[in-house]
Protein backbone atom coordinates (compact mmCIF):
# COMPACT_ATOMS: atom_id res chain seq x y z
CA MET A 1 -10.79 154.26 96.16
CA ILE A 2 -7.68 154.71 93.97
CA ARG A 3 -9.29 152.68 91.17
CA THR A 4 -12.40 154.88 91.33
CA LEU A 5 -10.32 158.07 91.11
CA ARG A 6 -8.38 156.70 88.14
CA GLN A 7 -11.60 155.72 86.36
CA LYS A 8 -12.93 159.24 86.89
CA GLY A 9 -9.63 160.64 85.59
CA HIS A 10 -9.84 158.52 82.43
CA LYS A 11 -13.45 159.62 81.86
CA LEU A 12 -12.44 163.28 82.32
CA GLY A 13 -9.53 162.78 79.91
CA ARG A 14 -11.82 161.29 77.26
CA ARG A 15 -14.27 164.16 77.62
CA ILE A 16 -11.48 166.73 77.24
CA SER A 17 -10.15 164.93 74.16
CA ILE A 18 -13.62 164.89 72.59
CA ALA A 19 -14.05 168.59 73.37
CA PHE A 20 -10.73 169.48 71.71
CA LEU A 21 -11.62 167.33 68.70
CA ALA A 22 -14.99 169.02 68.34
CA LEU A 23 -13.37 172.45 68.63
CA GLY A 24 -10.86 171.51 65.93
CA LEU A 25 -13.60 170.30 63.56
CA LEU A 26 -15.66 173.44 64.10
CA SER A 27 -12.61 175.64 63.50
CA LEU A 28 -11.76 173.72 60.34
CA LEU A 29 -15.34 174.07 59.07
CA ALA A 30 -15.29 177.79 59.82
CA SER A 31 -11.98 178.22 58.02
CA ILE A 32 -13.48 176.56 54.92
CA VAL A 33 -16.81 178.41 54.94
CA GLN A 34 -15.58 181.90 55.82
CA PRO A 35 -13.31 182.36 52.76
CA LEU A 36 -16.20 181.39 50.50
CA ILE A 37 -18.56 183.98 51.91
CA ALA A 38 -15.82 186.62 52.18
CA GLN A 39 -15.00 186.77 48.46
CA PRO A 40 -15.39 190.28 46.98
CA SER A 41 -18.41 190.68 44.77
CA PHE A 42 -17.95 194.16 43.28
CA SER A 43 -15.16 195.24 40.96
CA ARG A 44 -15.13 198.69 42.53
CA ASP A 45 -14.04 197.25 45.90
CA ALA A 46 -10.67 197.90 47.48
CA ILE A 47 -9.75 194.82 49.48
CA LEU A 48 -8.08 195.61 52.82
CA LEU A 49 -5.93 192.85 54.37
CA THR A 50 -3.74 192.88 57.47
CA LEU A 51 -0.37 191.37 58.31
CA ASP A 52 -0.13 191.93 62.05
CA GLY A 53 2.55 189.80 63.68
CA PRO A 54 5.08 187.29 62.40
CA VAL A 55 4.90 185.95 58.85
CA THR A 56 3.71 182.38 59.43
CA PRO A 57 2.07 179.67 57.30
CA ALA A 58 -1.31 180.76 58.67
CA SER A 59 -0.84 184.43 57.71
CA ALA A 60 0.56 183.37 54.32
CA ASP A 61 -2.50 181.20 53.60
CA TYR A 62 -4.76 184.11 54.47
CA LEU A 63 -2.95 186.68 52.32
CA VAL A 64 -2.39 184.37 49.34
CA ARG A 65 -6.03 183.28 49.30
CA GLU A 66 -7.43 186.81 49.49
CA ILE A 67 -4.98 188.23 46.94
CA GLU A 68 -6.02 185.51 44.51
CA ASN A 69 -9.72 186.10 45.27
CA ALA A 70 -9.32 189.84 44.63
CA SER A 71 -7.57 189.14 41.35
CA LEU A 72 -10.31 186.73 40.22
CA ALA A 73 -13.04 189.19 41.23
CA ASN A 74 -11.33 192.04 39.32
CA ALA A 75 -11.13 194.21 42.42
CA ARG A 76 -9.60 197.61 41.86
CA LEU A 77 -7.07 197.43 44.68
CA THR A 78 -5.65 195.10 47.28
CA ILE A 79 -4.19 196.94 50.27
CA ILE A 80 -2.09 195.11 52.85
CA GLU A 81 -1.57 196.87 56.18
CA ILE A 82 1.74 195.65 57.60
CA ASP A 83 3.10 195.56 61.15
CA THR A 84 5.51 192.64 61.38
CA PRO A 85 8.91 191.78 62.88
CA GLY A 86 9.50 189.26 60.07
CA GLY A 87 8.95 185.53 59.85
CA LEU A 88 9.48 182.42 57.78
CA MET A 89 11.12 182.83 54.38
CA THR A 90 8.98 180.10 52.82
CA SER A 91 5.76 181.82 53.89
CA MET A 92 7.15 185.19 52.74
CA LYS A 93 7.90 183.79 49.28
CA ASP A 94 4.37 182.39 49.00
CA ILE A 95 2.98 185.88 49.63
CA ILE A 96 5.39 187.46 47.15
CA LYS A 97 4.49 184.94 44.44
CA ALA A 98 0.81 185.76 44.90
CA ILE A 99 1.54 189.50 44.64
CA LEU A 100 3.60 189.06 41.46
CA ALA A 101 0.86 186.94 39.88
CA SER A 102 -1.96 189.30 40.83
CA LYS A 103 -3.88 191.12 38.11
CA THR A 104 -5.08 193.58 40.74
CA PRO A 105 -2.62 196.24 41.95
CA VAL A 106 -1.31 195.34 45.42
CA ILE A 107 -0.37 198.20 47.78
CA THR A 108 1.59 197.54 50.96
CA TYR A 109 1.09 200.10 53.71
CA VAL A 110 3.10 200.04 56.95
CA SER A 111 0.48 201.30 59.36
CA PRO A 112 -0.56 202.53 61.91
CA GLN A 113 2.05 204.96 63.18
CA GLY A 114 4.61 203.23 65.34
CA SER A 115 4.50 200.02 63.28
CA ARG A 116 7.38 198.35 61.48
CA SER A 117 8.00 196.15 58.49
CA ALA A 118 11.22 194.36 59.33
CA SER A 119 12.97 191.39 57.78
CA ALA A 120 10.40 189.45 55.69
CA GLY A 121 8.16 192.50 55.65
CA LEU A 122 10.77 194.42 53.62
CA TYR A 123 10.79 191.75 50.91
CA ILE A 124 6.98 191.91 50.71
CA MET A 125 7.14 195.71 50.42
CA TYR A 126 9.65 195.45 47.57
CA SER A 127 7.36 193.07 45.66
CA ALA A 128 4.27 195.30 45.86
CA HIS A 129 3.13 197.46 42.97
CA VAL A 130 2.97 200.45 45.31
CA SER A 131 4.77 200.61 48.64
CA ALA A 132 3.78 203.17 51.28
CA MET A 133 4.50 203.88 54.93
CA ALA A 134 2.82 205.93 57.62
CA PRO A 135 4.83 208.52 59.56
CA ALA A 136 6.83 207.25 62.56
CA THR A 137 7.27 203.79 61.08
CA ASN A 138 10.43 201.94 60.07
CA THR A 139 11.63 199.13 57.85
CA GLY A 140 14.79 197.13 57.16
CA ALA A 141 16.83 194.56 59.13
CA ALA A 142 16.32 191.94 56.43
CA THR A 143 19.21 189.62 57.32
CA PRO A 144 18.10 185.96 57.32
CA ILE A 145 18.62 184.23 60.64
CA GLU A 146 18.82 180.51 61.33
CA MET A 147 16.12 178.73 63.27
CA GLY A 148 16.93 176.34 66.08
CA GLY A 149 19.86 178.19 67.60
CA GLY A 150 22.12 178.41 64.60
CA GLY A 151 23.30 181.78 65.81
CA ASP A 152 22.32 185.41 65.85
CA GLU A 153 22.43 187.60 62.81
CA ASN A 154 24.75 190.04 64.61
CA GLU A 155 27.45 187.52 65.43
CA GLU A 156 30.81 188.30 63.90
CA LYS A 157 31.23 184.87 62.37
CA PHE A 158 28.18 185.59 60.21
CA SER A 159 29.11 189.12 59.16
CA PRO A 160 29.85 189.71 55.45
CA GLY A 161 33.50 190.54 56.18
CA ASP A 162 34.21 187.00 57.29
CA PHE A 163 33.28 185.51 53.93
CA PHE A 164 35.75 184.94 51.16
CA ASP A 165 34.97 186.30 47.74
CA ALA A 166 33.83 183.81 45.11
CA PRO A 167 35.20 183.93 41.56
CA ASP A 168 34.04 186.98 39.62
CA ASN A 169 32.12 184.88 37.12
CA GLY A 170 30.26 183.19 39.96
CA GLU A 171 30.96 179.70 38.54
CA ALA A 172 32.32 176.80 40.53
CA PRO A 173 35.71 175.43 39.55
CA ASP A 174 35.57 172.76 36.85
CA GLU A 175 36.82 169.40 38.04
CA ASP A 176 38.23 168.56 34.61
CA ALA A 177 40.00 171.86 34.43
CA SER A 178 41.56 171.36 37.82
CA THR A 179 42.69 167.90 36.80
CA SER A 180 44.22 169.14 33.57
CA GLY A 181 45.87 171.90 35.56
CA GLU A 182 47.45 169.34 37.84
CA LYS A 183 48.76 167.44 34.81
CA ALA A 184 50.16 170.62 33.34
CA ASP A 185 51.88 171.36 36.64
CA GLU A 186 53.49 167.92 36.55
CA ASN A 187 54.95 168.61 33.07
CA ALA A 188 56.02 172.14 33.90
CA THR A 189 59.53 173.02 34.89
CA PRO A 190 59.71 173.65 38.64
CA LEU A 191 60.73 177.14 39.66
CA SER A 192 63.64 177.62 41.98
CA GLU A 193 63.38 179.92 44.97
CA GLU A 194 65.62 182.43 43.21
CA THR A 195 63.18 182.80 40.30
CA ILE A 196 60.18 183.56 42.58
CA PRO A 197 59.76 187.25 43.50
CA ALA A 198 59.89 188.10 47.19
CA SER A 199 56.32 189.47 47.18
CA GLU A 200 54.94 186.27 45.68
CA LYS A 201 57.04 184.27 48.11
CA GLU A 202 55.36 186.07 51.08
CA GLU A 203 51.87 185.59 49.61
CA SER A 204 52.47 181.91 48.96
CA SER A 205 53.78 181.40 52.47
CA THR A 206 50.51 182.72 53.96
CA PRO A 207 48.06 179.81 54.36
CA THR A 208 44.61 180.33 52.85
CA PRO A 209 42.00 179.84 55.57
CA ALA A 210 39.44 177.18 54.83
CA LEU A 211 35.76 178.09 54.63
CA SER A 212 33.88 176.22 57.34
CA ASN A 213 30.62 174.46 56.59
CA ASP A 214 28.67 176.90 58.80
CA ASN A 215 30.14 179.96 57.11
CA ALA A 216 29.68 178.42 53.67
CA MET A 217 26.02 177.73 54.35
CA ARG A 218 25.55 181.19 55.82
CA LYS A 219 27.18 182.75 52.78
CA LYS A 220 24.85 180.85 50.45
CA VAL A 221 21.79 182.00 52.41
CA ILE A 222 22.91 185.65 52.45
CA ASN A 223 23.79 185.72 48.75
CA ASP A 224 20.52 184.05 47.82
CA ALA A 225 18.57 186.61 49.87
CA VAL A 226 20.52 189.48 48.28
CA ALA A 227 19.82 188.19 44.77
CA TYR A 228 16.15 187.70 45.60
CA ILE A 229 15.52 191.19 46.96
CA ARG A 230 17.60 192.75 44.14
CA SER A 231 15.41 191.01 41.58
CA LEU A 232 12.33 192.49 43.25
CA ALA A 233 13.97 195.92 43.33
CA GLU A 234 14.75 195.73 39.61
CA LYS A 235 11.20 194.69 38.78
CA ARG A 236 9.61 197.54 40.76
CA GLY A 237 12.30 200.17 40.13
CA ARG A 238 13.35 200.52 43.77
CA ASN A 239 16.72 200.99 45.46
CA GLY A 240 18.54 197.67 45.12
CA ASP A 241 21.81 198.86 46.69
CA TRP A 242 20.16 199.81 49.96
CA ALA A 243 18.16 196.56 49.89
CA GLU A 244 21.42 194.62 49.72
CA GLU A 245 22.76 196.64 52.63
CA ALA A 246 19.62 195.81 54.63
CA VAL A 247 20.22 192.12 53.98
CA ARG A 248 23.98 192.04 54.60
CA ASP A 249 24.26 194.57 57.45
CA ALA A 250 20.71 194.47 58.90
CA VAL A 251 20.29 198.26 58.66
CA SER A 252 16.93 199.92 59.29
CA ILE A 253 15.55 203.29 58.23
CA SER A 254 12.58 205.53 59.02
CA ALA A 255 9.74 206.32 56.65
CA ASN A 256 11.27 209.66 55.60
CA GLU A 257 14.63 208.03 54.87
CA ALA A 258 12.89 205.25 52.94
CA LEU A 259 11.14 207.81 50.75
CA ALA A 260 14.38 209.74 50.14
CA LEU A 261 16.24 206.54 49.20
CA LYS A 262 13.43 205.43 46.86
CA VAL A 263 12.72 202.36 48.98
CA ILE A 264 9.01 203.28 49.06
CA ASP A 265 6.78 205.32 46.77
CA LEU A 266 5.01 207.58 49.24
CA ILE A 267 4.19 208.45 52.86
CA ALA A 268 0.50 208.55 53.80
CA GLU A 269 -1.08 209.75 57.05
CA ASP A 270 -3.98 207.30 56.83
CA LEU A 271 -5.98 205.19 54.37
CA ASP A 272 -7.84 208.19 52.94
CA ASP A 273 -4.55 209.96 52.30
CA LEU A 274 -3.16 206.79 50.73
CA LEU A 275 -6.13 206.44 48.35
CA ALA A 276 -5.87 210.09 47.38
CA GLN A 277 -2.14 209.86 46.57
CA ILE A 278 -2.27 206.65 44.52
CA ASP A 279 -5.21 207.80 42.38
CA GLY A 280 -4.04 207.95 38.77
CA MET A 281 -0.76 206.08 39.33
CA GLU A 282 0.28 203.71 36.55
CA VAL A 283 1.57 200.25 37.55
CA LYS A 284 2.36 197.00 35.79
CA THR A 285 0.48 193.91 36.97
CA ALA A 286 0.25 190.38 35.63
CA ALA A 287 -2.55 191.62 33.35
CA GLY A 288 -0.44 194.45 31.96
CA THR A 289 -0.33 198.19 32.61
CA VAL A 290 -3.08 199.38 34.95
CA ILE A 291 -4.03 202.94 35.93
CA ILE A 292 -5.19 203.02 39.56
CA LYS A 293 -8.58 204.63 40.13
CA SER A 294 -9.13 205.04 43.84
CA ASP A 295 -11.30 208.15 44.06
CA ASP A 296 -14.59 206.29 44.60
CA VAL A 297 -13.56 202.84 45.82
CA VAL A 298 -15.33 201.09 48.66
CA ILE A 299 -12.93 199.52 51.16
CA ASN A 300 -13.91 195.97 52.05
CA LYS A 301 -11.86 194.67 54.98
CA ILE A 302 -11.47 190.89 55.08
CA GLU A 303 -10.35 189.26 58.30
CA PRO A 304 -8.44 185.97 58.55
CA ALA A 305 -10.43 182.79 59.06
CA LEU A 306 -10.99 181.56 62.61
CA TRP A 307 -8.45 178.77 62.31
CA GLU A 308 -5.87 181.21 60.90
CA ARG A 309 -6.45 183.58 63.79
CA ILE A 310 -5.98 180.73 66.27
CA LEU A 311 -2.71 179.66 64.65
CA GLY A 312 -1.59 183.27 64.45
CA PHE A 313 -2.31 183.65 68.16
CA PHE A 314 -0.11 180.66 68.96
CA ALA A 315 2.73 182.14 66.85
CA ASP A 316 3.15 184.99 69.34
CA PRO A 317 6.41 184.59 71.37
CA ASN A 318 4.66 185.47 74.64
CA VAL A 319 1.94 182.90 74.00
CA ALA A 320 4.62 180.33 73.13
CA ALA A 321 6.36 181.05 76.44
CA ILE A 322 3.10 180.62 78.37
CA LEU A 323 2.31 177.36 76.57
CA LEU A 324 5.79 176.01 77.25
CA THR A 325 5.54 176.93 80.93
CA LEU A 326 2.07 175.41 81.31
CA GLY A 327 3.16 172.28 79.49
CA THR A 328 6.20 171.70 81.66
CA THR A 329 4.21 172.48 84.83
CA GLY A 330 1.58 169.92 83.85
CA LEU A 331 4.20 167.24 83.21
CA ILE A 332 5.98 168.04 86.49
CA ALA A 333 2.68 167.73 88.38
CA GLU A 334 2.03 164.38 86.67
CA ILE A 335 5.52 163.14 87.61
CA TRP A 336 5.06 164.19 91.23
CA ASN A 337 1.57 162.68 91.41
CA PRO A 338 1.35 159.73 88.96
CA GLY A 339 -2.12 158.74 87.84
CA SER A 340 -3.61 162.24 87.97
CA ILE A 341 -4.24 162.03 84.19
CA PHE A 342 -5.50 165.60 83.70
CA PRO A 343 -2.22 167.49 84.46
CA GLY A 344 -0.25 165.22 82.15
CA MET A 345 -2.78 165.44 79.31
CA PHE A 346 -3.05 169.21 79.70
CA GLY A 347 0.74 169.51 79.70
CA ILE A 348 1.12 167.44 76.53
CA ILE A 349 -1.48 169.53 74.68
CA CYS A 350 0.26 172.76 75.71
CA LEU A 351 3.66 171.39 74.66
CA LEU A 352 2.30 170.36 71.24
CA LEU A 353 0.98 173.89 70.70
CA ALA A 354 4.32 175.29 71.88
CA LEU A 355 6.10 173.08 69.32
CA TYR A 356 3.97 174.68 66.61
CA SER A 357 5.11 178.08 67.85
CA PHE A 358 8.73 176.94 67.68
CA SER A 359 8.18 175.79 64.09
CA VAL A 360 7.35 179.34 62.96
CA LEU A 361 9.62 181.37 65.28
CA PRO A 362 13.43 181.59 65.33
CA TYR A 363 14.77 180.32 68.65
CA SER A 364 18.09 179.62 70.34
CA GLY A 365 18.95 175.98 70.93
CA LEU A 366 21.26 176.89 73.84
CA ALA A 367 18.50 178.85 75.58
CA LEU A 368 16.10 175.93 75.06
CA ALA A 369 18.69 173.59 76.60
CA LEU A 370 19.00 175.94 79.61
CA MET A 371 15.25 175.78 80.09
CA GLY A 372 15.43 171.97 79.98
CA VAL A 373 18.13 171.97 82.66
CA GLY A 374 15.99 174.27 84.80
CA ILE A 375 12.98 171.94 84.45
CA VAL A 376 15.07 168.93 85.49
CA MET A 377 16.36 170.81 88.55
CA VAL A 378 12.79 171.71 89.58
CA ILE A 379 11.77 168.04 89.26
CA LEU A 380 14.78 166.96 91.36
CA GLU A 381 13.67 169.34 94.11
CA ALA A 382 10.82 166.95 94.93
CA TYR A 383 13.23 164.06 95.50
CA THR A 384 16.32 165.77 96.93
CA PRO A 385 16.45 167.29 100.46
CA SER A 386 17.98 170.62 99.33
CA PHE A 387 15.37 172.81 101.07
CA GLY A 388 14.67 174.77 97.89
CA VAL A 389 18.24 175.44 96.73
CA ILE A 390 18.02 173.21 93.65
CA GLY A 391 14.47 174.33 92.86
CA VAL A 392 15.22 178.06 93.08
CA SER A 393 18.38 177.61 91.00
CA GLY A 394 16.42 175.65 88.40
CA LEU A 395 13.78 178.37 88.30
CA ALA A 396 16.48 181.01 87.71
CA VAL A 397 18.05 178.95 84.92
CA PHE A 398 14.61 178.45 83.34
CA GLY A 399 13.92 182.20 83.43
CA ALA A 400 17.31 183.04 81.88
CA GLY A 401 16.72 180.55 79.08
CA LEU A 402 13.24 181.96 78.49
CA TYR A 403 14.63 185.49 78.17
CA PHE A 404 17.25 184.51 75.59
CA LEU A 405 15.01 181.99 73.79
CA TYR A 406 14.13 184.33 70.89
CA PRO A 407 16.07 187.08 69.07
CA ASP A 408 15.55 190.72 70.03
CA ALA A 409 12.71 191.23 67.56
CA TYR A 410 10.75 188.33 69.10
CA ARG A 411 11.90 188.59 72.72
CA VAL A 412 9.45 187.51 75.42
CA SER A 413 8.11 190.34 77.56
CA PRO A 414 10.18 190.76 80.77
CA ALA A 415 6.95 191.35 82.68
CA LEU A 416 5.66 187.96 81.54
CA ILE A 417 8.92 186.29 82.54
CA GLY A 418 8.71 187.97 85.94
CA THR A 419 5.15 186.73 86.39
CA ILE A 420 6.15 183.18 85.46
CA MET A 421 9.08 183.33 87.88
CA ALA A 422 6.83 184.65 90.68
CA ILE A 423 4.25 181.89 90.16
CA GLY A 424 7.00 179.28 89.98
CA GLY A 425 8.59 180.67 93.14
CA ALA A 426 5.28 180.52 94.99
CA PHE A 427 4.82 176.96 93.78
CA LEU A 428 8.27 175.98 95.06
CA ALA A 429 7.62 177.77 98.37
CA PHE A 430 4.44 175.73 98.82
CA ILE A 431 6.36 172.52 98.12
CA LEU A 432 9.10 173.50 100.57
CA TYR A 433 6.49 174.29 103.24
CA ALA A 434 4.82 170.92 102.70
CA VAL A 435 8.18 169.13 102.98
CA VAL A 436 9.07 170.93 106.22
CA GLN A 437 5.64 170.19 107.68
CA SER A 438 5.94 166.52 106.75
CA ARG A 439 9.26 166.29 108.57
CA SER A 440 8.23 168.29 111.66
CA HIS A 441 5.38 166.12 112.99
CA GLY A 442 5.89 162.95 114.95
CA LEU A 443 5.54 159.35 113.88
CA LEU A 444 2.33 158.38 112.12
CA ILE A 445 2.43 154.59 112.58
CA GLY A 446 3.75 152.10 115.16
CA ALA A 447 3.77 152.06 118.94
CA GLU A 448 5.53 155.42 119.28
CA ALA A 449 2.90 157.08 117.10
CA ILE A 450 0.07 156.38 119.58
CA ARG A 451 2.01 157.18 122.75
CA LYS A 452 0.73 160.33 124.52
CA LYS A 453 -2.44 160.33 122.41
CA GLU A 454 -5.71 161.28 124.11
CA GLY A 455 -9.00 159.46 123.97
CA VAL A 456 -12.26 158.51 125.73
CA VAL A 457 -13.23 155.40 127.68
CA ASP A 458 -15.81 153.36 125.75
CA GLU A 459 -16.40 150.65 128.38
CA TRP A 460 -14.58 149.61 131.55
CA ASP A 461 -14.50 146.66 133.99
CA GLU A 462 -13.53 148.03 137.40
CA ALA A 463 -12.94 144.54 138.79
CA SER A 464 -10.19 143.64 136.28
CA GLY A 465 -9.03 147.20 135.68
CA THR A 466 -9.33 146.74 131.91
CA GLY A 467 -11.65 147.90 129.17
CA HIS A 468 -11.78 149.55 125.77
CA VAL A 469 -10.98 153.12 124.78
CA ILE A 470 -11.55 155.17 121.63
CA ILE A 471 -8.47 157.00 120.28
CA GLU A 472 -8.75 158.93 117.03
CA GLY A 473 -11.72 156.82 115.96
CA GLU A 474 -10.01 153.49 116.72
CA ARG A 475 -11.12 151.10 119.49
CA TRP A 476 -8.24 149.77 121.59
CA LYS A 477 -8.02 147.40 124.55
CA ALA A 478 -6.58 149.21 127.57
CA ARG A 479 -5.71 148.84 131.27
CA ALA A 480 -5.16 151.37 134.03
CA ASN A 481 -3.93 151.41 137.62
CA LYS A 482 -6.92 153.44 138.77
CA PRO A 483 -10.61 152.72 138.18
CA LEU A 484 -12.22 154.44 135.19
CA LYS A 485 -15.73 154.99 133.93
CA LYS A 486 -17.30 155.31 130.51
CA GLY A 487 -16.72 158.76 129.06
CA ASP A 488 -13.57 159.50 131.08
CA ARG A 489 -10.83 161.36 129.21
CA ILE A 490 -7.62 159.35 129.17
CA ARG A 491 -4.07 159.62 127.82
CA VAL A 492 -1.85 156.78 126.60
CA VAL A 493 1.33 156.46 128.70
CA ASP A 494 2.64 153.16 127.35
CA ILE A 495 1.79 150.21 125.11
CA GLU A 496 2.25 146.53 125.93
CA GLY A 497 1.75 144.48 122.79
CA LEU A 498 -1.77 145.36 121.67
CA VAL A 499 -2.89 146.66 125.10
CA LEU A 500 -2.60 150.33 125.93
CA VAL A 501 -1.61 151.55 129.37
CA VAL A 502 -3.67 154.66 130.07
CA LYS A 503 -4.24 157.12 132.85
CA THR A 504 -7.09 159.50 133.56
CA MET A 505 -6.84 163.18 132.70
CA ASP A 506 -7.92 166.05 134.94
CA GLY A 507 -11.65 166.67 134.74
CA GLY A 508 -12.31 163.11 133.64
CA ALA A 509 -14.84 162.40 136.39
CA THR A 510 -16.91 165.44 135.54
CA LEU A 511 -16.98 164.45 131.84
CA SER A 512 -17.94 160.88 132.84
CA ARG A 513 -20.92 162.06 134.86
CA PHE A 514 -22.01 164.35 132.03
CA ILE A 515 -21.92 161.55 129.41
CA THR A 516 -23.51 158.81 131.57
CA GLY A 517 -26.24 161.10 132.88
CA ASN A 518 -25.22 160.78 136.58
CA LYS A 519 -26.00 163.84 138.66
CA GLN A 520 -24.10 164.90 141.72
CA LYS A 521 -26.29 164.87 144.84
CA PRO A 522 -26.59 168.15 146.68
CA ALA A 523 -24.61 168.35 149.94
């Protein structure tokens, strides 16, 4: 029986694997074919692209490909609608490089109302030929943050005030110069304490704090980001001072403030308003100076390829949380019930997809460790008689880790966390109920397990007072002190070796006559 179930499980696992492989091949084929048929064919087109969600490798591939296609097709405009909390710096730079190399004017438009263009989105806005925002939108908060729990961008140890100023010329000290300086100090006449001014004596007595490796790396990242966004500001004639402030201090501003500070070029109510305002503007592209003509353009919206949409879906923090929860639940079910095959395979697939989400989202290593501790506690609940204490505590630790897993801009929805906690709590309650039930019933095997069981007489020898009885589908040899008949209801009172000692139950004679077909004679 067990071997048959395992064979069925292996067959089901192979079928699921083949299905996933086929889905992957179809998605890959669609991602190759769709860009070819989606290329613009008319030079009077305005290409409309969207950046909705985090900046990931998938969204970067989509934007870079379509920006290049629009440039090759001599499209009049490329408009990118932006609503993003930020994303990977490498993907952001790929998009910016494509914009800078485009012969077609690229317009970034933070839209619809209520959207934002934070972090990486601000860099993309600064690189565009024309940058626009809809009312009730915001931008800024462009401080780079470390992935994998390196810390939050608002921590004091990473604030600009904790860094020590580098030399004004920005050059590293020359090793030869420092060596020659040491030799010169050896030949110099030492100064006595009387010849040193009191102010210099106090300064020299104060130890210079060393720059830790973490702070040094953080300083390099911040300064590199500042230089990068300042170079974009200089190229497009935008406010570089505020851009630096957005990188160093993570400040954000509204659309009206952005227009006043010359962070953007205009505010547009919708696409029609945007096209009307940019008509006649003069911009510099990779092909030279271009005058935008948008009065009669035809907007051609190009969607991401299927595979890019799938990867973009998995880059959502809420989806990542669901995948991580399903993956761990599948593995826990496989650990509790080895050989099930499907839960373990399903859990591994979900965890692999969750790992992709972690590769494109900033997360906290400490929160991830808390989730791991919670998972271990839930697993221990199945093997430790704690009556739910360890399991509930592990569930609470898992939920806390899930809440603090991502920064504020990517935080998992509290409603989703509550739903996961409720489902996990119901799961633990079911396990606790099953454990209590398993410990509340009597023995299942041995002599004590059959004592007081009820059954029916199968055959009986009145002369010897012995016969056979049926108890829970099993045929036992039995004896009794009183004569019995076939069909009588009996109860086990004792067991002697392999022989049961039984006695008749009330109403046994009536049942015997009913089964054997005997009829009571009328009086």
